[in-house]
Amino acid sequence: GRLAHEFKCLGKSCKATMRRYLNKKDARSTGNMRKHVRACWGEDILVAADNTKDANEACVKIVGGFLRNGSITTSFERKGKGQVTYSHRQHTCAKTRAEIVKWVAESLRP
């Protein structure tokens, strides 16, 4: 029964939700949301959102534009390691299995 605002992240694979309870002293605090935006979307999106006049403008112009125009090369940009290369061709079954085994071995996951 407590009144709260709930914010859901619009990131494609992000399932984060943040709640702001309205009966608390820090009901207007946005520190946790800013920390999540910085980690999930990046510093440039956070700065652009800070420069908007209201939340609707930020949602429509910045987030919508980023989701539409985010290219694969900017998503996987590497600093100082040359040009990013990628392929649109699907791996064969054997190659897919080899990539999964390599990933499991490198990440030390079961």
PDB file of N, CA and C in Angstrom:
ATOM      1  N   GLY A   1       0.689  -1.184   0.000  1.00  0.00           N
ATOM      2  CA  GLY A   1       0.000   0.000   0.000  1.00  0.00           C
ATOM      3  C   GLY A   1       0.751   1.290   0.000  1.00  0.00           C
ATOM      4  N   ARG A   2       2.069   1.359  -0.246  1.00  0.00           N
ATOM      5  CA  ARG A   2       2.762   2.652  -0.269  1.00  0.00           C
ATOM      6  C   ARG A   2       2.736   3.230  -1.675  1.00  0.00           C
ATOM      7  N   LEU A   3       2.581   4.547  -1.760  1.00  0.00           N
ATOM      8  CA  LEU A   3       2.587   5.212  -3.056  1.00  0.00           C
ATOM      9  C   LEU A   3       4.009   5.288  -3.592  1.00  0.00           C
ATOM     10  N   ALA A   4       4.175   4.944  -4.868  1.00  0.00           N
ATOM     11  CA  ALA A   4       5.503   4.952  -5.463  1.00  0.00           C
ATOM     12  C   ALA A   4       5.392   5.199  -6.963  1.00  0.00           C
ATOM     13  N   HIS A   5       6.436   5.762  -7.518  1.00  0.00           N
ATOM     14  CA  HIS A   5       6.602   5.850  -8.961  1.00  0.00           C
ATOM     15  C   HIS A   5       7.571   4.740  -9.339  1.00  0.00           C
ATOM     16  N   GLU A   6       7.257   3.984 -10.403  1.00  0.00           N
ATOM     17  CA  GLU A   6       8.132   2.917 -10.847  1.00  0.00           C
ATOM     18  C   GLU A   6       8.637   3.240 -12.239  1.00  0.00           C
ATOM     19  N   PHE A   7       9.949   3.174 -12.422  1.00  0.00           N
ATOM     20  CA  PHE A   7      10.575   3.486 -13.701  1.00  0.00           C
ATOM     21  C   PHE A   7      11.199   2.212 -14.248  1.00  0.00           C
ATOM     22  N   LYS A   8      10.893   1.881 -15.504  1.00  0.00           N
ATOM     23  CA  LYS A   8      11.450   0.701 -16.151  1.00  0.00           C
ATOM     24  C   LYS A   8      12.436   1.142 -17.219  1.00  0.00           C
ATOM     25  N   CYS A   9      13.565   0.481 -17.263  1.00  0.00           N
ATOM     26  CA  CYS A   9      14.598   0.807 -18.251  1.00  0.00           C
ATOM     27  C   CYS A   9      14.123   0.371 -19.635  1.00  0.00           C
ATOM     28  N   LEU A  10      14.376   1.201 -20.645  1.00  0.00           N
ATOM     29  CA  LEU A  10      13.968   0.900 -22.012  1.00  0.00           C
ATOM     30  C   LEU A  10      15.042   0.180 -22.806  1.00  0.00           C
ATOM     31  N   GLY A  11      16.132  -0.207 -22.157  1.00  0.00           N
ATOM     32  CA  GLY A  11      17.181  -0.957 -22.846  1.00  0.00           C
ATOM     33  C   GLY A  11      16.638  -2.290 -23.327  1.00  0.00           C
ATOM     34  N   LYS A  12      17.119  -2.759 -24.487  1.00  0.00           N
ATOM     35  CA  LYS A  12      16.567  -3.968 -25.104  1.00  0.00           C
ATOM     36  C   LYS A  12      16.677  -5.197 -24.208  1.00  0.00           C
ATOM     37  N   SER A  13      17.808  -5.407 -23.581  1.00  0.00           N
ATOM     38  CA  SER A  13      17.970  -6.607 -22.760  1.00  0.00           C
ATOM     39  C   SER A  13      17.968  -6.292 -21.271  1.00  0.00           C
ATOM     40  N   CYS A  14      17.649  -5.059 -20.903  1.00  0.00           N
ATOM     41  CA  CYS A  14      17.689  -4.655 -19.505  1.00  0.00           C
ATOM     42  C   CYS A  14      16.313  -4.822 -18.866  1.00  0.00           C
ATOM     43  N   LYS A  15      16.289  -5.431 -17.716  1.00  0.00           N
ATOM     44  CA  LYS A  15      15.029  -5.639 -17.004  1.00  0.00           C
ATOM     45  C   LYS A  15      14.985  -4.850 -15.698  1.00  0.00           C
ATOM     46  N   ALA A  16      15.815  -3.826 -15.592  1.00  0.00           N
ATOM     47  CA  ALA A  16      15.916  -3.058 -14.351  1.00  0.00           C
ATOM     48  C   ALA A  16      14.683  -2.183 -14.135  1.00  0.00           C
ATOM     49  N   THR A  17      14.219  -2.137 -12.893  1.00  0.00           N
ATOM     50  CA  THR A  17      13.154  -1.212 -12.495  1.00  0.00           C
ATOM     51  C   THR A  17      13.619  -0.487 -11.243  1.00  0.00           C
ATOM     52  N   MET A  18      13.292   0.787 -11.193  1.00  0.00           N
ATOM     53  CA  MET A  18      13.631   1.597 -10.031  1.00  0.00           C
ATOM     54  C   MET A  18      12.343   2.180  -9.463  1.00  0.00           C
ATOM     55  N   ARG A  19      12.202   2.141  -8.156  1.00  0.00           N
ATOM     56  CA  ARG A  19      11.009   2.691  -7.500  1.00  0.00           C
ATOM     57  C   ARG A  19      11.389   3.902  -6.676  1.00  0.00           C
ATOM     58  N   ARG A  20      10.563   4.913  -6.717  1.00  0.00           N
ATOM     59  CA  ARG A  20      10.707   6.108  -5.878  1.00  0.00           C
ATOM     60  C   ARG A  20       9.472   6.173  -4.996  1.00  0.00           C
ATOM     61  N   TYR A  21       9.661   5.873  -3.717  1.00  0.00           N
ATOM     62  CA  TYR A  21       8.542   5.925  -2.774  1.00  0.00           C
ATOM     63  C   TYR A  21       8.271   7.371  -2.410  1.00  0.00           C
ATOM     64  N   LEU A  22       7.012   7.774  -2.498  1.00  0.00           N
ATOM     65  CA  LEU A  22       6.647   9.175  -2.353  1.00  0.00           C
ATOM     66  C   LEU A  22       6.559   9.647  -0.915  1.00  0.00           C
ATOM     67  N   ASN A  23       6.549   8.734   0.053  1.00  0.00           N
ATOM     68  CA  ASN A  23       6.445   9.141   1.451  1.00  0.00           C
ATOM     69  C   ASN A  23       7.799   9.194   2.149  1.00  0.00           C
ATOM     70  N   LYS A  24       8.891   9.203   1.411  1.00  0.00           N
ATOM     71  CA  LYS A  24      10.238   9.246   1.971  1.00  0.00           C
ATOM     72  C   LYS A  24      10.862  10.624   1.791  1.00  0.00           C
ATOM     73  N   LYS A  25      11.917  10.900   2.551  1.00  0.00           N
ATOM     74  CA  LYS A  25      12.624  12.176   2.432  1.00  0.00           C
ATOM     75  C   LYS A  25      13.281  12.321   1.066  1.00  0.00           C
ATOM     76  N   ASP A  26      13.773  11.215   0.527  1.00  0.00           N
ATOM     77  CA  ASP A  26      14.494  11.279  -0.740  1.00  0.00           C
ATOM     78  C   ASP A  26      13.612  10.921  -1.942  1.00  0.00           C
ATOM     79  N   ALA A  27      12.355  11.313  -1.909  1.00  0.00           N
ATOM     80  CA  ALA A  27      11.429  10.996  -2.991  1.00  0.00           C
ATOM     81  C   ALA A  27      11.859  11.612  -4.313  1.00  0.00           C
ATOM     82  N   ARG A  28      12.594  12.713  -4.276  1.00  0.00           N
ATOM     83  CA  ARG A  28      13.040  13.377  -5.505  1.00  0.00           C
ATOM     84  C   ARG A  28      14.475  13.008  -5.883  1.00  0.00           C
ATOM     85  N   SER A  29      15.092  12.089  -5.167  1.00  0.00           N
ATOM     86  CA  SER A  29      16.465  11.686  -5.448  1.00  0.00           C
ATOM     87  C   SER A  29      16.523  10.876  -6.737  1.00  0.00           C
ATOM     88  N   THR A  30      17.498  11.174  -7.572  1.00  0.00           N
ATOM     89  CA  THR A  30      17.646  10.456  -8.841  1.00  0.00           C
ATOM     90  C   THR A  30      19.019   9.809  -8.978  1.00  0.00           C
ATOM     91  N   GLY A  31      19.764   9.715  -7.906  1.00  0.00           N
ATOM     92  CA  GLY A  31      21.121   9.184  -7.959  1.00  0.00           C
ATOM     93  C   GLY A  31      21.202   7.766  -8.495  1.00  0.00           C
ATOM     94  N   ASN A  32      20.334   6.872  -8.038  1.00  0.00           N
ATOM     95  CA  ASN A  32      20.366   5.489  -8.509  1.00  0.00           C
ATOM     96  C   ASN A  32      19.975   5.385  -9.970  1.00  0.00           C
ATOM     97  N   MET A  33      19.005   6.191 -10.396  1.00  0.00           N
ATOM     98  CA  MET A  33      18.621   6.172 -11.805  1.00  0.00           C
ATOM     99  C   MET A  33      19.760   6.678 -12.680  1.00  0.00           C
ATOM    100  N   ARG A  34      20.440   7.745 -12.242  1.00  0.00           N
ATOM    101  CA  ARG A  34      21.555   8.285 -13.017  1.00  0.00           C
ATOM    102  C   ARG A  34      22.687   7.268 -13.118  1.00  0.00           C
ATOM    103  N   LYS A  35      22.941   6.548 -12.028  1.00  0.00           N
ATOM    104  CA  LYS A  35      23.986   5.528 -12.024  1.00  0.00           C
ATOM    105  C   LYS A  35      23.637   4.404 -13.006  1.00  0.00           C
ATOM    106  N   HIS A  36      22.360   4.002 -13.034  1.00  0.00           N
ATOM    107  CA  HIS A  36      21.935   2.954 -13.954  1.00  0.00           C
ATOM    108  C   HIS A  36      22.025   3.427 -15.409  1.00  0.00           C
ATOM    109  N   VAL A  37      21.593   4.649 -15.675  1.00  0.00           N
ATOM    110  CA  VAL A  37      21.650   5.181 -17.045  1.00  0.00           C
ATOM    111  C   VAL A  37      23.101   5.244 -17.516  1.00  0.00           C
ATOM    112  N   ARG A  38      23.991   5.677 -16.654  1.00  0.00           N
ATOM    113  CA  ARG A  38      25.406   5.758 -17.020  1.00  0.00           C
ATOM    114  C   ARG A  38      25.944   4.370 -17.370  1.00  0.00           C
ATOM    115  N   ALA A  39      25.553   3.342 -16.608  1.00  0.00           N
ATOM    116  CA  ALA A  39      26.048   1.990 -16.859  1.00  0.00           C
ATOM    117  C   ALA A  39      25.367   1.327 -18.057  1.00  0.00           C
ATOM    118  N   CYS A  40      24.070   1.549 -18.219  1.00  0.00           N
ATOM    119  CA  CYS A  40      23.301   0.849 -19.252  1.00  0.00           C
ATOM    120  C   CYS A  40      23.351   1.567 -20.606  1.00  0.00           C
ATOM    121  N   TRP A  41      23.280   2.884 -20.613  1.00  0.00           N
ATOM    122  CA  TRP A  41      23.170   3.651 -21.853  1.00  0.00           C
ATOM    123  C   TRP A  41      24.441   4.399 -22.211  1.00  0.00           C
ATOM    124  N   GLY A  42      25.213   4.822 -21.227  1.00  0.00           N
ATOM    125  CA  GLY A  42      26.452   5.538 -21.502  1.00  0.00           C
ATOM    126  C   GLY A  42      26.387   6.987 -21.064  1.00  0.00           C
ATOM    127  N   GLU A  43      27.561   7.564 -20.906  1.00  0.00           N
ATOM    128  CA  GLU A  43      27.687   8.940 -20.417  1.00  0.00           C
ATOM    129  C   GLU A  43      27.088   9.959 -21.386  1.00  0.00           C
ATOM    130  N   ASP A  44      27.236   9.731 -22.699  1.00  0.00           N
ATOM    131  CA  ASP A  44      26.731  10.703 -23.668  1.00  0.00           C
ATOM    132  C   ASP A  44      25.212  10.814 -23.643  1.00  0.00           C
ATOM    133  N   ILE A  45      24.511   9.705 -23.423  1.00  0.00           N
ATOM    134  CA  ILE A  45      23.051   9.737 -23.324  1.00  0.00           C
ATOM    135  C   ILE A  45      22.631  10.463 -22.056  1.00  0.00           C
ATOM    136  N   LEU A  46      23.353  10.250 -20.961  1.00  0.00           N
ATOM    137  CA  LEU A  46      23.038  10.923 -19.706  1.00  0.00           C
ATOM    138  C   LEU A  46      23.207  12.432 -19.842  1.00  0.00           C
ATOM    139  N   VAL A  47      24.286  12.866 -20.471  1.00  0.00           N
ATOM    140  CA  VAL A  47      24.517  14.303 -20.670  1.00  0.00           C
ATOM    141  C   VAL A  47      23.440  14.895 -21.573  1.00  0.00           C
ATOM    142  N   ALA A  48      23.070  14.183 -22.629  1.00  0.00           N
ATOM    143  CA  ALA A  48      22.025  14.674 -23.527  1.00  0.00           C
ATOM    144  C   ALA A  48      20.683  14.764 -22.801  1.00  0.00           C
ATOM    145  N   ALA A  49      20.395  13.808 -21.930  1.00  0.00           N
ATOM    146  CA  ALA A  49      19.144  13.847 -21.164  1.00  0.00           C
ATOM    147  C   ALA A  49      19.147  15.008 -20.172  1.00  0.00           C
ATOM    148  N   ASP A  50      20.306  15.318 -19.609  1.00  0.00           N
ATOM    149  CA  ASP A  50      20.396  16.452 -18.694  1.00  0.00           C
ATOM    150  C   ASP A  50      20.096  17.774 -19.393  1.00  0.00           C
ATOM    151  N   ASN A  51      20.383  17.857 -20.675  1.00  0.00           N
ATOM    152  CA  ASN A  51      20.192  19.102 -21.419  1.00  0.00           C
ATOM    153  C   ASN A  51      18.784  19.274 -21.971  1.00  0.00           C
ATOM    154  N   THR A  52      17.891  18.319 -21.750  1.00  0.00           N
ATOM    155  CA  THR A  52      16.512  18.466 -22.211  1.00  0.00           C
ATOM    156  C   THR A  52      15.687  19.199 -21.167  1.00  0.00           C
ATOM    157  N   LYS A  53      14.519  19.717 -21.605  1.00  0.00           N
ATOM    158  CA  LYS A  53      13.718  20.507 -20.675  1.00  0.00           C
ATOM    159  C   LYS A  53      12.760  19.659 -19.833  1.00  0.00           C
ATOM    160  N   ASP A  54      12.338  18.480 -20.334  1.00  0.00           N
ATOM    161  CA  ASP A  54      11.459  17.626 -19.538  1.00  0.00           C
ATOM    162  C   ASP A  54      11.644  16.157 -19.931  1.00  0.00           C
ATOM    163  N   ALA A  55      10.995  15.272 -19.189  1.00  0.00           N
ATOM    164  CA  ALA A  55      11.164  13.832 -19.395  1.00  0.00           C
ATOM    165  C   ALA A  55      10.602  13.369 -20.730  1.00  0.00           C
ATOM    166  N   ASN A  56       9.499  13.968 -21.177  1.00  0.00           N
ATOM    167  CA  ASN A  56       8.916  13.565 -22.465  1.00  0.00           C
ATOM    168  C   ASN A  56       9.875  13.833 -23.614  1.00  0.00           C
ATOM    169  N   GLU A  57      10.517  14.982 -23.595  1.00  0.00           N
ATOM    170  CA  GLU A  57      11.480  15.320 -24.645  1.00  0.00           C
ATOM    171  C   GLU A  57      12.656  14.344 -24.615  1.00  0.00           C
ATOM    172  N   ALA A  58      13.130  14.011 -23.426  1.00  0.00           N
ATOM    173  CA  ALA A  58      14.248  13.067 -23.300  1.00  0.00           C
ATOM    174  C   ALA A  58      13.858  11.699 -23.848  1.00  0.00           C
ATOM    175  N   CYS A  59      12.670  11.241 -23.530  1.00  0.00           N
ATOM    176  CA  CYS A  59      12.224   9.915 -23.972  1.00  0.00           C
ATOM    177  C   CYS A  59      12.047   9.865 -25.486  1.00  0.00           C
ATOM    178  N   VAL A  60      11.404  10.884 -26.046  1.00  0.00           N
ATOM    179  CA  VAL A  60      11.103  10.871 -27.477  1.00  0.00           C
ATOM    180  C   VAL A  60      12.346  11.139 -28.319  1.00  0.00           C
ATOM    181  N   LYS A  61      13.080  12.198 -28.005  1.00  0.00           N
ATOM    182  CA  LYS A  61      14.188  12.611 -28.859  1.00  0.00           C
ATOM    183  C   LYS A  61      15.454  11.810 -28.627  1.00  0.00           C
ATOM    184  N   ILE A  62      15.818  11.568 -27.385  1.00  0.00           N
ATOM    185  CA  ILE A  62      17.109  10.940 -27.111  1.00  0.00           C
ATOM    186  C   ILE A  62      17.006   9.422 -27.141  1.00  0.00           C
ATOM    187  N   VAL A  63      16.159   8.860 -26.302  1.00  0.00           N
ATOM    188  CA  VAL A  63      16.073   7.404 -26.206  1.00  0.00           C
ATOM    189  C   VAL A  63      15.534   6.820 -27.502  1.00  0.00           C
ATOM    190  N   GLY A  64      14.471   7.392 -28.039  1.00  0.00           N
ATOM    191  CA  GLY A  64      13.920   6.903 -29.302  1.00  0.00           C
ATOM    192  C   GLY A  64      14.910   7.010 -30.430  1.00  0.00           C
ATOM    193  N   GLY A  65      15.613   8.134 -30.514  1.00  0.00           N
ATOM    194  CA  GLY A  65      16.615   8.319 -31.556  1.00  0.00           C
ATOM    195  C   GLY A  65      17.784   7.369 -31.406  1.00  0.00           C
ATOM    196  N   PHE A  66      18.194   7.104 -30.182  1.00  0.00           N
ATOM    197  CA  PHE A  66      19.308   6.186 -29.948  1.00  0.00           C
ATOM    198  C   PHE A  66      18.920   4.764 -30.322  1.00  0.00           C
ATOM    199  N   LEU A  67      17.696   4.350 -29.963  1.00  0.00           N
ATOM    200  CA  LEU A  67      17.264   2.995 -30.300  1.00  0.00           C
ATOM    201  C   LEU A  67      17.132   2.815 -31.809  1.00  0.00           C
ATOM    202  N   ARG A  68      16.715   3.865 -32.516  1.00  0.00           N
ATOM    203  CA  ARG A  68      16.567   3.781 -33.962  1.00  0.00           C
ATOM    204  C   ARG A  68      17.908   3.855 -34.684  1.00  0.00           C
ATOM    205  N   ASN A  69      18.787   4.750 -34.253  1.00  0.00           N
ATOM    206  CA  ASN A  69      19.998   5.045 -34.999  1.00  0.00           C
ATOM    207  C   ASN A  69      21.248   4.390 -34.432  1.00  0.00           C
ATOM    208  N   GLY A  70      21.149   3.614 -33.364  1.00  0.00           N
ATOM    209  CA  GLY A  70      22.335   2.983 -32.797  1.00  0.00           C
ATOM    210  C   GLY A  70      22.886   1.939 -33.759  1.00  0.00           C
ATOM    211  N   SER A  71      24.030   2.198 -34.335  1.00  0.00           N
ATOM    212  CA  SER A  71      24.591   1.269 -35.308  1.00  0.00           C
ATOM    213  C   SER A  71      25.455   0.228 -34.600  1.00  0.00           C
ATOM    214  N   ILE A  72      25.711  -0.854 -35.297  1.00  0.00           N
ATOM    215  CA  ILE A  72      26.497  -1.929 -34.692  1.00  0.00           C
ATOM    216  C   ILE A  72      27.931  -1.479 -34.448  1.00  0.00           C
ATOM    217  N   THR A  73      28.451  -0.605 -35.301  1.00  0.00           N
ATOM    218  CA  THR A  73      29.836  -0.179 -35.114  1.00  0.00           C
ATOM    219  C   THR A  73      29.981   0.715 -33.897  1.00  0.00           C
ATOM    220  N   THR A  74      28.981   1.542 -33.587  1.00  0.00           N
ATOM    221  CA  THR A  74      29.080   2.363 -32.384  1.00  0.00           C
ATOM    222  C   THR A  74      28.834   1.524 -31.140  1.00  0.00           C
ATOM    223  N   SER A  75      28.024   0.494 -31.247  1.00  0.00           N
ATOM    224  CA  SER A  75      27.765  -0.364 -30.099  1.00  0.00           C
ATOM    225  C   SER A  75      28.991  -1.164 -29.700  1.00  0.00           C
ATOM    226  N   PHE A  76      29.791  -1.562 -30.676  1.00  0.00           N
ATOM    227  CA  PHE A  76      30.956  -2.389 -30.401  1.00  0.00           C
ATOM    228  C   PHE A  76      32.264  -1.647 -30.654  1.00  0.00           C
ATOM    229  N   GLU A  77      32.244  -0.342 -30.507  1.00  0.00           N
ATOM    230  CA  GLU A  77      33.427   0.461 -30.770  1.00  0.00           C
ATOM    231  C   GLU A  77      34.543   0.100 -29.795  1.00  0.00           C
ATOM    232  N   ARG A  78      35.748  -0.044 -30.337  1.00  0.00           N
ATOM    233  CA  ARG A  78      36.910  -0.349 -29.516  1.00  0.00           C
ATOM    234  C   ARG A  78      37.848   0.844 -29.561  1.00  0.00           C
ATOM    235  N   LYS A  79      38.322   1.244 -28.426  1.00  0.00           N
ATOM    236  CA  LYS A  79      39.202   2.403 -28.342  1.00  0.00           C
ATOM    237  C   LYS A  79      40.637   1.999 -28.671  1.00  0.00           C
ATOM    238  N   GLY A  80      41.222   2.606 -29.700  1.00  0.00           N
ATOM    239  CA  GLY A  80      42.621   2.434 -30.017  1.00  0.00           C
ATOM    240  C   GLY A  80      43.031   1.069 -30.534  1.00  0.00           C
ATOM    241  N   LYS A  81      42.105   0.257 -31.011  1.00  0.00           N
ATOM    242  CA  LYS A  81      42.469  -1.065 -31.505  1.00  0.00           C
ATOM    243  C   LYS A  81      42.134  -1.221 -32.981  1.00  0.00           C
ATOM    244  N   GLY A  82      41.969  -0.134 -33.686  1.00  0.00           N
ATOM    245  CA  GLY A  82      41.694  -0.220 -35.119  1.00  0.00           C
ATOM    246  C   GLY A  82      40.216  -0.283 -35.432  1.00  0.00           C
ATOM    247  N   GLN A  83      39.933  -0.589 -36.677  1.00  0.00           N
ATOM    248  CA  GLN A  83      38.561  -0.598 -37.160  1.00  0.00           C
ATOM    249  C   GLN A  83      37.823  -1.850 -36.688  1.00  0.00           C
ATOM    250  N   VAL A  84      36.549  -1.700 -36.391  1.00  0.00           N
ATOM    251  CA  VAL A  84      35.714  -2.815 -35.956  1.00  0.00           C
ATOM    252  C   VAL A  84      35.283  -3.605 -37.182  1.00  0.00           C
ATOM    253  N   THR A  85      35.420  -4.924 -37.122  1.00  0.00           N
ATOM    254  CA  THR A  85      34.967  -5.772 -38.217  1.00  0.00           C
ATOM    255  C   THR A  85      33.894  -6.717 -37.681  1.00  0.00           C
ATOM    256  N   TYR A  86      32.928  -7.038 -38.527  1.00  0.00           N
ATOM    257  CA  TYR A  86      31.847  -7.934 -38.143  1.00  0.00           C
ATOM    258  C   TYR A  86      31.282  -8.575 -39.394  1.00  0.00           C
ATOM    259  N   SER A  87      30.517  -9.631 -39.204  1.00  0.00           N
ATOM    260  CA  SER A  87      29.944 -10.363 -40.322  1.00  0.00           C
ATOM    261  C   SER A  87      28.456 -10.575 -40.087  1.00  0.00           C
ATOM    262  N   HIS A  88      27.688 -10.589 -41.166  1.00  0.00           N
ATOM    263  CA  HIS A  88      26.247 -10.849 -41.077  1.00  0.00           C
ATOM    264  C   HIS A  88      25.920 -12.316 -41.354  1.00  0.00           C
ATOM    265  N   ARG A  89      26.931 -13.100 -41.706  1.00  0.00           N
ATOM    266  CA  ARG A  89      26.701 -14.499 -42.029  1.00  0.00           C
ATOM    267  C   ARG A  89      26.580 -15.326 -40.757  1.00  0.00           C
ATOM    268  N   GLN A  90      25.658 -16.248 -40.764  1.00  0.00           N
ATOM    269  CA  GLN A  90      25.443 -17.110 -39.608  1.00  0.00           C
ATOM    270  C   GLN A  90      26.534 -18.176 -39.525  1.00  0.00           C
ATOM    271  N   HIS A  91      26.935 -18.543 -38.291  1.00  0.00           N
ATOM    272  CA  HIS A  91      27.915 -19.602 -38.099  1.00  0.00           C
ATOM    273  C   HIS A  91      27.301 -20.956 -38.450  1.00  0.00           C
ATOM    274  N   THR A  92      28.143 -21.886 -38.850  1.00  0.00           N
ATOM    275  CA  THR A  92      27.683 -23.253 -39.030  1.00  0.00           C
ATOM    276  C   THR A  92      27.489 -23.873 -37.653  1.00  0.00           C
ATOM    277  N   CYS A  93      26.880 -25.061 -37.598  1.00  0.00           N
ATOM    278  CA  CYS A  93      26.635 -25.722 -36.308  1.00  0.00           C
ATOM    279  C   CYS A  93      27.946 -25.987 -35.575  1.00  0.00           C
ATOM    280  N   ALA A  94      28.941 -26.465 -36.289  1.00  0.00           N
ATOM    281  CA  ALA A  94      30.228 -26.774 -35.660  1.00  0.00           C
ATOM    282  C   ALA A  94      30.896 -25.495 -35.152  1.00  0.00           C
ATOM    283  N   LYS A  95      30.843 -24.444 -35.939  1.00  0.00           N
ATOM    284  CA  LYS A  95      31.457 -23.177 -35.547  1.00  0.00           C
ATOM    285  C   LYS A  95      30.724 -22.580 -34.338  1.00  0.00           C
ATOM    286  N   THR A  96      29.394 -22.680 -34.315  1.00  0.00           N
ATOM    287  CA  THR A  96      28.614 -22.184 -33.182  1.00  0.00           C
ATOM    288  C   THR A  96      28.994 -22.927 -31.912  1.00  0.00           C
ATOM    289  N   ARG A  97      29.097 -24.246 -32.004  1.00  0.00           N
ATOM    290  CA  ARG A  97      29.472 -25.051 -30.846  1.00  0.00           C
ATOM    291  C   ARG A  97      30.875 -24.673 -30.360  1.00  0.00           C
ATOM    292  N   ALA A  98      31.793 -24.451 -31.286  1.00  0.00           N
ATOM    293  CA  ALA A  98      33.154 -24.068 -30.927  1.00  0.00           C
ATOM    294  C   ALA A  98      33.177 -22.703 -30.241  1.00  0.00           C
ATOM    295  N   GLU A  99      32.388 -21.748 -30.728  1.00  0.00           N
ATOM    296  CA  GLU A  99      32.321 -20.422 -30.108  1.00  0.00           C
ATOM    297  C   GLU A  99      31.747 -20.499 -28.698  1.00  0.00           C
ATOM    298  N   ILE A 100      30.736 -21.337 -28.499  1.00  0.00           N
ATOM    299  CA  ILE A 100      30.133 -21.494 -27.165  1.00  0.00           C
ATOM    300  C   ILE A 100      31.137 -22.115 -26.204  1.00  0.00           C
ATOM    301  N   VAL A 101      31.846 -23.161 -26.654  1.00  0.00           N
ATOM    302  CA  VAL A 101      32.850 -23.807 -25.817  1.00  0.00           C
ATOM    303  C   VAL A 101      33.948 -22.812 -25.462  1.00  0.00           C
ATOM    304  N   LYS A 102      34.375 -22.012 -26.422  1.00  0.00           N
ATOM    305  CA  LYS A 102      35.405 -20.994 -26.180  1.00  0.00           C
ATOM    306  C   LYS A 102      34.916 -19.976 -25.157  1.00  0.00           C
ATOM    307  N   TRP A 103      33.662 -19.518 -25.298  1.00  0.00           N
ATOM    308  CA  TRP A 103      33.108 -18.534 -24.358  1.00  0.00           C
ATOM    309  C   TRP A 103      33.022 -19.100 -22.949  1.00  0.00           C
ATOM    310  N   VAL A 104      32.559 -20.351 -22.828  1.00  0.00           N
ATOM    311  CA  VAL A 104      32.438 -20.984 -21.503  1.00  0.00           C
ATOM    312  C   VAL A 104      33.819 -21.136 -20.873  1.00  0.00           C
ATOM    313  N   ALA A 105      34.813 -21.524 -21.668  1.00  0.00           N
ATOM    314  CA  ALA A 105      36.158 -21.706 -21.132  1.00  0.00           C
ATOM    315  C   ALA A 105      36.763 -20.385 -20.689  1.00  0.00           C
ATOM    316  N   GLU A 106      36.549 -19.314 -21.462  1.00  0.00           N
ATOM    317  CA  GLU A 106      37.120 -18.016 -21.127  1.00  0.00           C
ATOM    318  C   GLU A 106      36.423 -17.356 -19.937  1.00  0.00           C
ATOM    319  N   SER A 107      35.117 -17.547 -19.830  1.00  0.00           N
ATOM    320  CA  SER A 107      34.383 -16.883 -18.753  1.00  0.00           C
ATOM    321  C   SER A 107      34.301 -17.718 -17.481  1.00  0.00           C
ATOM    322  N   LEU A 108      34.815 -18.932 -17.527  1.00  0.00           N
ATOM    323  CA  LEU A 108      34.813 -19.852 -16.379  1.00  0.00           C
ATOM    324  C   LEU A 108      33.418 -20.083 -15.823  1.00  0.00           C
ATOM    325  N   ARG A 109      32.465 -20.222 -16.736  1.00  0.00           N
ATOM    326  CA  ARG A 109      31.084 -20.507 -16.333  1.00  0.00           C
ATOM    327  C   ARG A 109      30.797 -21.988 -16.582  1.00  0.00           C
ATOM    328  N   PRO A 110      29.899 -22.561 -15.788  1.00  0.00           N
ATOM    329  CA  PRO A 110      29.588 -23.990 -15.973  1.00  0.00           C
ATOM    330  C   PRO A 110      28.794 -24.261 -17.231  1.00  0.00           C
TER     331      PRO A 110
END
